[in-house]
Amino acid sequence: LQYTIGQIARHEADQSNGTIPVSGAAVAALTELTLKYIQVMSEDSRAFTRHRKKQTVDEADVKLCARKVPQLLQDLESFMANNGKAGKKRQLDEMRRGQPNTDAEDQRPVGSDEDEEESRDLGGDGEGSGEEIP
């Protein structure tokens, strides 16, 4: 995680023409902050899931956590529209109309059976799938 955060910091520094370098200590602090934020979001999303009397954390729970930071919620909703269930449905509709949308990584149609198999391997997004939340 620290390596990735360092890469992002270097990329952002490059975007500012290198005028704002980021120290190793700053990268370490950002990494610690990121880990703590992930822990808080994880705990909060599990609490929202339990409140809804469900067993699987889904994007609705994550959205409830993200509402604490309006820009984060807006970015998440945009991401979900393009990549979430709604985005997958839109992509499948386009495929049915003869407008295949391909995944840039491996050039297979988005929403293909392989995507569904991968989703199941990762826990899927159906109700009741995945591990029970303590």
N, C-alpha and C. Protein backbone atom coordinates (compact mmCIF):
# COMPACT_ATOMS: atom_id res chain seq x y z
N LEU A 1 0.84 -1.19 0.00
CA LEU A 1 0.00 0.00 0.00
C LEU A 1 0.88 1.25 0.00
N GLN A 2 1.95 1.21 0.81
CA GLN A 2 2.82 2.38 0.87
C GLN A 2 3.47 2.65 -0.48
N TYR A 3 3.84 1.58 -1.20
CA TYR A 3 4.42 1.77 -2.52
C TYR A 3 3.42 2.46 -3.45
N THR A 4 2.19 2.00 -3.45
CA THR A 4 1.16 2.58 -4.32
C THR A 4 0.91 4.03 -3.97
N ILE A 5 0.82 4.32 -2.68
CA ILE A 5 0.61 5.71 -2.27
C ILE A 5 1.79 6.57 -2.69
N GLY A 6 3.00 6.02 -2.59
CA GLY A 6 4.18 6.75 -3.06
C GLY A 6 4.11 7.03 -4.56
N GLN A 7 3.64 6.03 -5.32
CA GLN A 7 3.49 6.21 -6.77
C GLN A 7 2.47 7.31 -7.08
N ILE A 8 1.36 7.30 -6.36
CA ILE A 8 0.34 8.33 -6.56
C ILE A 8 0.91 9.70 -6.21
N ALA A 9 1.64 9.78 -5.11
CA ALA A 9 2.24 11.06 -4.70
C ALA A 9 3.22 11.55 -5.75
N ARG A 10 4.04 10.64 -6.30
CA ARG A 10 4.98 11.04 -7.36
C ARG A 10 4.22 11.51 -8.61
N HIS A 11 3.15 10.81 -8.95
CA HIS A 11 2.35 11.20 -10.11
C HIS A 11 1.77 12.61 -9.90
N GLU A 12 1.23 12.85 -8.72
CA GLU A 12 0.67 14.17 -8.43
C GLU A 12 1.75 15.25 -8.45
N ALA A 13 2.95 14.91 -7.96
CA ALA A 13 4.06 15.87 -8.01
C ALA A 13 4.43 16.18 -9.46
N ASP A 14 4.42 15.13 -10.31
CA ASP A 14 4.70 15.35 -11.73
C ASP A 14 3.65 16.25 -12.37
N GLN A 15 2.39 16.10 -11.94
CA GLN A 15 1.30 16.93 -12.48
C GLN A 15 1.50 18.39 -12.12
N SER A 16 2.18 18.65 -10.99
CA SER A 16 2.43 20.03 -10.58
C SER A 16 3.83 20.46 -11.01
N ASN A 17 4.35 19.83 -12.06
CA ASN A 17 5.68 20.11 -12.61
C ASN A 17 6.78 19.92 -11.58
N GLY A 18 6.56 19.01 -10.64
CA GLY A 18 7.56 18.69 -9.64
C GLY A 18 7.79 19.78 -8.62
N THR A 19 6.94 20.78 -8.60
CA THR A 19 7.16 21.90 -7.68
C THR A 19 6.76 21.57 -6.25
N ILE A 20 6.03 20.47 -6.05
CA ILE A 20 5.61 20.10 -4.71
C ILE A 20 6.05 18.66 -4.44
N PRO A 21 7.31 18.46 -4.09
CA PRO A 21 7.76 17.09 -3.80
C PRO A 21 7.13 16.58 -2.51
N VAL A 22 7.06 15.26 -2.39
CA VAL A 22 6.47 14.62 -1.22
C VAL A 22 7.56 13.78 -0.55
N SER A 23 7.76 14.01 0.73
CA SER A 23 8.80 13.30 1.46
C SER A 23 8.38 11.87 1.78
N GLY A 24 9.35 11.04 2.10
CA GLY A 24 9.07 9.67 2.50
C GLY A 24 8.21 9.62 3.76
N ALA A 25 8.46 10.57 4.68
CA ALA A 25 7.67 10.62 5.91
C ALA A 25 6.21 10.96 5.59
N ALA A 26 6.00 11.84 4.60
CA ALA A 26 4.62 12.19 4.21
C ALA A 26 3.93 10.98 3.60
N VAL A 27 4.64 10.20 2.80
CA VAL A 27 4.06 8.99 2.20
C VAL A 27 3.71 8.00 3.30
N ALA A 28 4.58 7.85 4.30
CA ALA A 28 4.29 6.95 5.42
C ALA A 28 3.05 7.43 6.19
N ALA A 29 2.94 8.73 6.40
CA ALA A 29 1.78 9.28 7.12
C ALA A 29 0.50 9.07 6.30
N LEU A 30 0.58 9.29 4.98
CA LEU A 30 -0.58 9.06 4.13
C LEU A 30 -1.00 7.59 4.14
N THR A 31 -0.03 6.70 4.18
CA THR A 31 -0.31 5.27 4.23
C THR A 31 -1.03 4.92 5.53
N GLU A 32 -0.54 5.44 6.65
CA GLU A 32 -1.18 5.17 7.94
C GLU A 32 -2.60 5.73 7.96
N LEU A 33 -2.77 6.94 7.44
CA LEU A 33 -4.10 7.56 7.37
C LEU A 33 -5.05 6.73 6.51
N THR A 34 -4.55 6.24 5.38
CA THR A 34 -5.36 5.41 4.48
C THR A 34 -5.79 4.13 5.18
N LEU A 35 -4.88 3.48 5.87
CA LEU A 35 -5.22 2.25 6.59
C LEU A 35 -6.28 2.52 7.66
N LYS A 36 -6.12 3.59 8.41
CA LYS A 36 -7.11 3.92 9.44
C LYS A 36 -8.46 4.23 8.82
N TYR A 37 -8.46 4.94 7.69
CA TYR A 37 -9.71 5.28 7.03
C TYR A 37 -10.41 4.01 6.52
N ILE A 38 -9.63 3.08 5.99
CA ILE A 38 -10.20 1.81 5.53
C ILE A 38 -10.80 1.05 6.71
N GLN A 39 -10.13 1.05 7.85
CA GLN A 39 -10.66 0.37 9.03
C GLN A 39 -11.98 1.00 9.47
N VAL A 40 -12.05 2.32 9.50
CA VAL A 40 -13.27 3.00 9.91
C VAL A 40 -14.40 2.70 8.93
N MET A 41 -14.11 2.79 7.62
CA MET A 41 -15.12 2.50 6.61
C MET A 41 -15.59 1.05 6.70
N SER A 42 -14.68 0.15 6.98
CA SER A 42 -15.04 -1.26 7.10
C SER A 42 -15.97 -1.47 8.29
N GLU A 43 -15.63 -0.90 9.43
CA GLU A 43 -16.48 -1.03 10.61
C GLU A 43 -17.85 -0.40 10.37
N ASP A 44 -17.87 0.80 9.79
CA ASP A 44 -19.13 1.49 9.53
C ASP A 44 -20.00 0.72 8.54
N SER A 45 -19.38 0.21 7.47
CA SER A 45 -20.17 -0.50 6.46
C SER A 45 -20.75 -1.79 7.04
N ARG A 46 -20.00 -2.47 7.91
CA ARG A 46 -20.54 -3.67 8.56
C ARG A 46 -21.71 -3.30 9.47
N ALA A 47 -21.61 -2.16 10.15
CA ALA A 47 -22.72 -1.72 11.02
C ALA A 47 -23.96 -1.42 10.18
N PHE A 48 -23.78 -0.76 9.03
CA PHE A 48 -24.93 -0.49 8.15
C PHE A 48 -25.53 -1.79 7.64
N THR A 49 -24.69 -2.77 7.33
CA THR A 49 -25.17 -4.06 6.85
C THR A 49 -25.99 -4.76 7.93
N ARG A 50 -25.48 -4.77 9.15
CA ARG A 50 -26.22 -5.40 10.25
C ARG A 50 -27.55 -4.68 10.48
N HIS A 51 -27.53 -3.35 10.40
CA HIS A 51 -28.76 -2.57 10.60
C HIS A 51 -29.83 -2.94 9.57
N ARG A 52 -29.38 -3.21 8.33
CA ARG A 52 -30.32 -3.60 7.27
C ARG A 52 -30.70 -5.08 7.38
N LYS A 53 -30.16 -5.75 8.39
CA LYS A 53 -30.41 -7.18 8.61
C LYS A 53 -29.98 -8.02 7.40
N LYS A 54 -28.84 -7.67 6.84
CA LYS A 54 -28.25 -8.41 5.72
C LYS A 54 -26.96 -9.04 6.20
N GLN A 55 -26.42 -9.93 5.39
CA GLN A 55 -25.19 -10.61 5.75
C GLN A 55 -24.01 -10.21 4.89
N THR A 56 -24.26 -9.50 3.80
CA THR A 56 -23.20 -9.14 2.88
C THR A 56 -23.13 -7.63 2.73
N VAL A 57 -21.94 -7.07 2.93
CA VAL A 57 -21.74 -5.65 2.70
C VAL A 57 -21.85 -5.41 1.20
N ASP A 58 -22.68 -4.45 0.80
CA ASP A 58 -22.78 -4.14 -0.62
C ASP A 58 -22.55 -2.65 -0.84
N GLU A 59 -22.72 -2.22 -2.09
CA GLU A 59 -22.40 -0.82 -2.41
C GLU A 59 -23.30 0.17 -1.69
N ALA A 60 -24.50 -0.22 -1.32
CA ALA A 60 -25.38 0.68 -0.56
C ALA A 60 -24.75 1.02 0.79
N ASP A 61 -24.14 0.03 1.42
CA ASP A 61 -23.48 0.25 2.70
C ASP A 61 -22.26 1.16 2.53
N VAL A 62 -21.51 0.94 1.48
CA VAL A 62 -20.33 1.77 1.22
C VAL A 62 -20.75 3.20 0.92
N LYS A 63 -21.84 3.38 0.17
CA LYS A 63 -22.34 4.73 -0.11
C LYS A 63 -22.75 5.44 1.17
N LEU A 64 -23.35 4.72 2.10
CA LEU A 64 -23.73 5.33 3.37
C LEU A 64 -22.49 5.83 4.12
N CYS A 65 -21.41 5.07 4.06
CA CYS A 65 -20.16 5.51 4.69
C CYS A 65 -19.58 6.72 3.98
N ALA A 66 -19.64 6.71 2.66
CA ALA A 66 -19.02 7.76 1.85
C ALA A 66 -19.74 9.10 1.98
N ARG A 67 -20.96 9.10 2.46
CA ARG A 67 -21.71 10.36 2.53
C ARG A 67 -21.10 11.35 3.51
N LYS A 68 -20.19 10.88 4.37
CA LYS A 68 -19.48 11.78 5.29
C LYS A 68 -18.63 12.80 4.53
N VAL A 69 -18.19 12.42 3.34
CA VAL A 69 -17.36 13.29 2.51
C VAL A 69 -18.08 13.45 1.17
N PRO A 70 -18.79 14.57 0.98
CA PRO A 70 -19.63 14.74 -0.22
C PRO A 70 -18.90 14.47 -1.54
N GLN A 71 -17.67 14.94 -1.69
CA GLN A 71 -16.94 14.70 -2.94
C GLN A 71 -16.67 13.22 -3.14
N LEU A 72 -16.37 12.51 -2.06
CA LEU A 72 -16.15 11.07 -2.13
C LEU A 72 -17.42 10.35 -2.57
N LEU A 73 -18.55 10.75 -2.02
CA LEU A 73 -19.83 10.15 -2.41
C LEU A 73 -20.12 10.40 -3.88
N GLN A 74 -19.86 11.62 -4.34
CA GLN A 74 -20.09 11.95 -5.75
C GLN A 74 -19.19 11.11 -6.65
N ASP A 75 -17.92 10.97 -6.29
CA ASP A 75 -17.00 10.16 -7.08
C ASP A 75 -17.41 8.69 -7.08
N LEU A 76 -17.86 8.20 -5.92
CA LEU A 76 -18.30 6.81 -5.82
C LEU A 76 -19.53 6.56 -6.68
N GLU A 77 -20.49 7.48 -6.65
CA GLU A 77 -21.69 7.32 -7.47
C GLU A 77 -21.35 7.34 -8.95
N SER A 78 -20.42 8.18 -9.33
CA SER A 78 -19.98 8.22 -10.73
C SER A 78 -19.31 6.89 -11.11
N PHE A 79 -18.46 6.39 -10.24
CA PHE A 79 -17.80 5.12 -10.49
C PHE A 79 -18.82 3.99 -10.62
N MET A 80 -19.78 3.97 -9.70
CA MET A 80 -20.79 2.91 -9.72
C MET A 80 -21.66 2.99 -10.97
N ALA A 81 -21.94 4.20 -11.43
CA ALA A 81 -22.75 4.34 -12.64
C ALA A 81 -22.03 3.75 -13.84
N ASN A 82 -20.71 3.84 -13.84
CA ASN A 82 -19.93 3.34 -14.96
C ASN A 82 -19.48 1.89 -14.79
N ASN A 83 -19.37 1.44 -13.54
CA ASN A 83 -18.80 0.11 -13.30
C ASN A 83 -19.63 -0.78 -12.41
N GLY A 84 -20.61 -0.25 -11.75
CA GLY A 84 -21.43 -1.04 -10.83
C GLY A 84 -22.54 -1.77 -11.54
N LYS A 85 -23.55 -2.18 -10.79
CA LYS A 85 -24.66 -2.93 -11.35
C LYS A 85 -25.34 -2.15 -12.47
N ALA A 86 -25.58 -0.86 -12.25
CA ALA A 86 -26.23 -0.05 -13.27
C ALA A 86 -25.37 0.02 -14.52
N GLY A 87 -24.06 0.17 -14.33
CA GLY A 87 -23.15 0.23 -15.47
C GLY A 87 -23.11 -1.09 -16.23
N LYS A 88 -23.08 -2.20 -15.49
CA LYS A 88 -23.09 -3.52 -16.13
C LYS A 88 -24.38 -3.73 -16.91
N LYS A 89 -25.52 -3.30 -16.33
CA LYS A 89 -26.80 -3.45 -17.03
C LYS A 89 -26.79 -2.64 -18.31
N ARG A 90 -26.28 -1.41 -18.24
CA ARG A 90 -26.20 -0.56 -19.43
C ARG A 90 -25.31 -1.22 -20.48
N GLN A 91 -24.18 -1.78 -20.05
CA GLN A 91 -23.27 -2.43 -20.98
C GLN A 91 -23.91 -3.66 -21.61
N LEU A 92 -24.65 -4.43 -20.84
CA LEU A 92 -25.33 -5.60 -21.38
C LEU A 92 -26.40 -5.17 -22.39
N ASP A 93 -27.13 -4.09 -22.06
CA ASP A 93 -28.14 -3.58 -23.00
C ASP A 93 -27.49 -3.16 -24.31
N GLU A 94 -26.32 -2.50 -24.23
CA GLU A 94 -25.62 -2.09 -25.44
C GLU A 94 -25.19 -3.31 -26.25
N MET A 95 -24.73 -4.35 -25.55
CA MET A 95 -24.31 -5.57 -26.25
C MET A 95 -25.50 -6.21 -26.96
N ARG A 96 -26.64 -6.22 -26.31
CA ARG A 96 -27.83 -6.82 -26.92
C ARG A 96 -28.27 -6.04 -28.15
N ARG A 97 -28.01 -4.75 -28.16
CA ARG A 97 -28.36 -3.92 -29.32
C ARG A 97 -27.29 -3.98 -30.40
N GLY A 98 -26.25 -4.78 -30.16
CA GLY A 98 -25.20 -4.92 -31.17
C GLY A 98 -24.10 -3.89 -31.05
N GLN A 99 -23.95 -3.29 -29.86
CA GLN A 99 -22.90 -2.31 -29.63
C GLN A 99 -21.99 -2.84 -28.52
N PRO A 100 -21.19 -3.86 -28.83
CA PRO A 100 -20.38 -4.45 -27.76
C PRO A 100 -19.37 -3.45 -27.21
N ASN A 101 -19.30 -3.43 -25.88
CA ASN A 101 -18.34 -2.61 -25.17
C ASN A 101 -17.29 -3.57 -24.66
N THR A 102 -16.03 -3.37 -24.99
CA THR A 102 -15.01 -4.32 -24.58
C THR A 102 -14.21 -3.79 -23.42
N ASP A 103 -13.73 -4.71 -22.62
CA ASP A 103 -12.86 -4.39 -21.50
C ASP A 103 -11.48 -4.16 -22.09
N ALA A 104 -10.87 -3.02 -21.82
CA ALA A 104 -9.60 -2.66 -22.43
C ALA A 104 -8.48 -3.62 -22.04
N GLU A 105 -8.57 -4.24 -20.87
CA GLU A 105 -7.49 -5.10 -20.42
C GLU A 105 -7.36 -6.36 -21.25
N ASP A 106 -8.46 -7.03 -21.53
CA ASP A 106 -8.34 -8.31 -22.21
C ASP A 106 -9.23 -8.41 -23.45
N GLN A 107 -9.87 -7.33 -23.84
CA GLN A 107 -10.66 -7.26 -25.06
C GLN A 107 -11.79 -8.27 -25.12
N ARG A 108 -12.35 -8.66 -23.97
CA ARG A 108 -13.55 -9.49 -23.98
C ARG A 108 -14.72 -8.59 -23.62
N PRO A 109 -15.90 -8.91 -24.09
CA PRO A 109 -17.05 -8.05 -23.81
C PRO A 109 -17.29 -7.90 -22.31
N VAL A 110 -17.52 -6.67 -21.87
CA VAL A 110 -17.84 -6.42 -20.48
C VAL A 110 -19.19 -7.04 -20.18
N GLY A 111 -19.30 -7.70 -19.04
CA GLY A 111 -20.55 -8.36 -18.68
C GLY A 111 -20.63 -9.77 -19.22
N SER A 112 -19.50 -10.30 -19.73
CA SER A 112 -19.51 -11.64 -20.28
C SER A 112 -19.60 -12.66 -19.16
N ASP A 113 -19.80 -13.92 -19.53
CA ASP A 113 -19.90 -14.99 -18.54
C ASP A 113 -18.65 -15.07 -17.68
N GLU A 114 -17.48 -14.74 -18.27
CA GLU A 114 -16.25 -14.78 -17.50
C GLU A 114 -16.29 -13.76 -16.37
N ASP A 115 -16.89 -12.57 -16.62
CA ASP A 115 -17.04 -11.56 -15.56
C ASP A 115 -17.90 -12.09 -14.44
N GLU A 116 -18.98 -12.80 -14.78
CA GLU A 116 -19.87 -13.34 -13.76
C GLU A 116 -19.15 -14.40 -12.94
N GLU A 117 -18.34 -15.26 -13.61
CA GLU A 117 -17.60 -16.28 -12.90
C GLU A 117 -16.61 -15.63 -11.95
N GLU A 118 -15.91 -14.58 -12.42
CA GLU A 118 -14.95 -13.87 -11.58
C GLU A 118 -15.65 -13.25 -10.39
N SER A 119 -16.83 -12.69 -10.60
CA SER A 119 -17.60 -12.10 -9.52
C SER A 119 -17.96 -13.14 -8.48
N ARG A 120 -18.38 -14.32 -8.94
CA ARG A 120 -18.71 -15.38 -8.00
C ARG A 120 -17.47 -15.81 -7.23
N ASP A 121 -16.31 -15.87 -7.92
CA ASP A 121 -15.07 -16.25 -7.25
C ASP A 121 -14.70 -15.26 -6.16
N LEU A 122 -15.05 -13.98 -6.37
CA LEU A 122 -14.72 -12.94 -5.40
C LEU A 122 -15.83 -12.72 -4.38
N GLY A 123 -16.82 -13.55 -4.36
CA GLY A 123 -17.89 -13.42 -3.39
C GLY A 123 -19.19 -12.97 -4.00
N GLY A 124 -19.17 -12.55 -5.26
CA GLY A 124 -20.39 -12.14 -5.95
C GLY A 124 -21.03 -10.95 -5.31
N ASP A 125 -22.20 -10.57 -5.83
CA ASP A 125 -22.90 -9.45 -5.24
C ASP A 125 -24.35 -9.79 -4.97
N GLY A 126 -24.68 -11.10 -4.93
CA GLY A 126 -26.05 -11.50 -4.63
C GLY A 126 -26.28 -11.50 -3.12
N GLU A 127 -27.50 -11.30 -2.73
CA GLU A 127 -27.83 -11.28 -1.32
C GLU A 127 -27.51 -12.64 -0.71
N GLY A 128 -26.96 -12.62 0.49
CA GLY A 128 -26.69 -13.85 1.20
C GLY A 128 -25.39 -14.53 0.80
N SER A 129 -24.71 -14.01 -0.22
CA SER A 129 -23.44 -14.61 -0.60
C SER A 129 -22.35 -14.05 0.30
N GLY A 130 -21.23 -14.72 0.34
CA GLY A 130 -20.13 -14.25 1.16
C GLY A 130 -20.26 -14.77 2.59
N GLU A 131 -19.34 -14.29 3.42
CA GLU A 131 -19.32 -14.76 4.79
C GLU A 131 -20.28 -13.96 5.65
N GLU A 132 -20.74 -14.60 6.70
CA GLU A 132 -21.62 -13.92 7.64
C GLU A 132 -20.82 -12.89 8.42
N ILE A 133 -21.43 -11.79 8.67
CA ILE A 133 -20.78 -10.71 9.41
C ILE A 133 -20.98 -10.95 10.90
N PRO A 134 -19.88 -10.89 11.66
CA PRO A 134 -20.01 -11.14 13.11
C PRO A 134 -20.80 -10.05 13.80
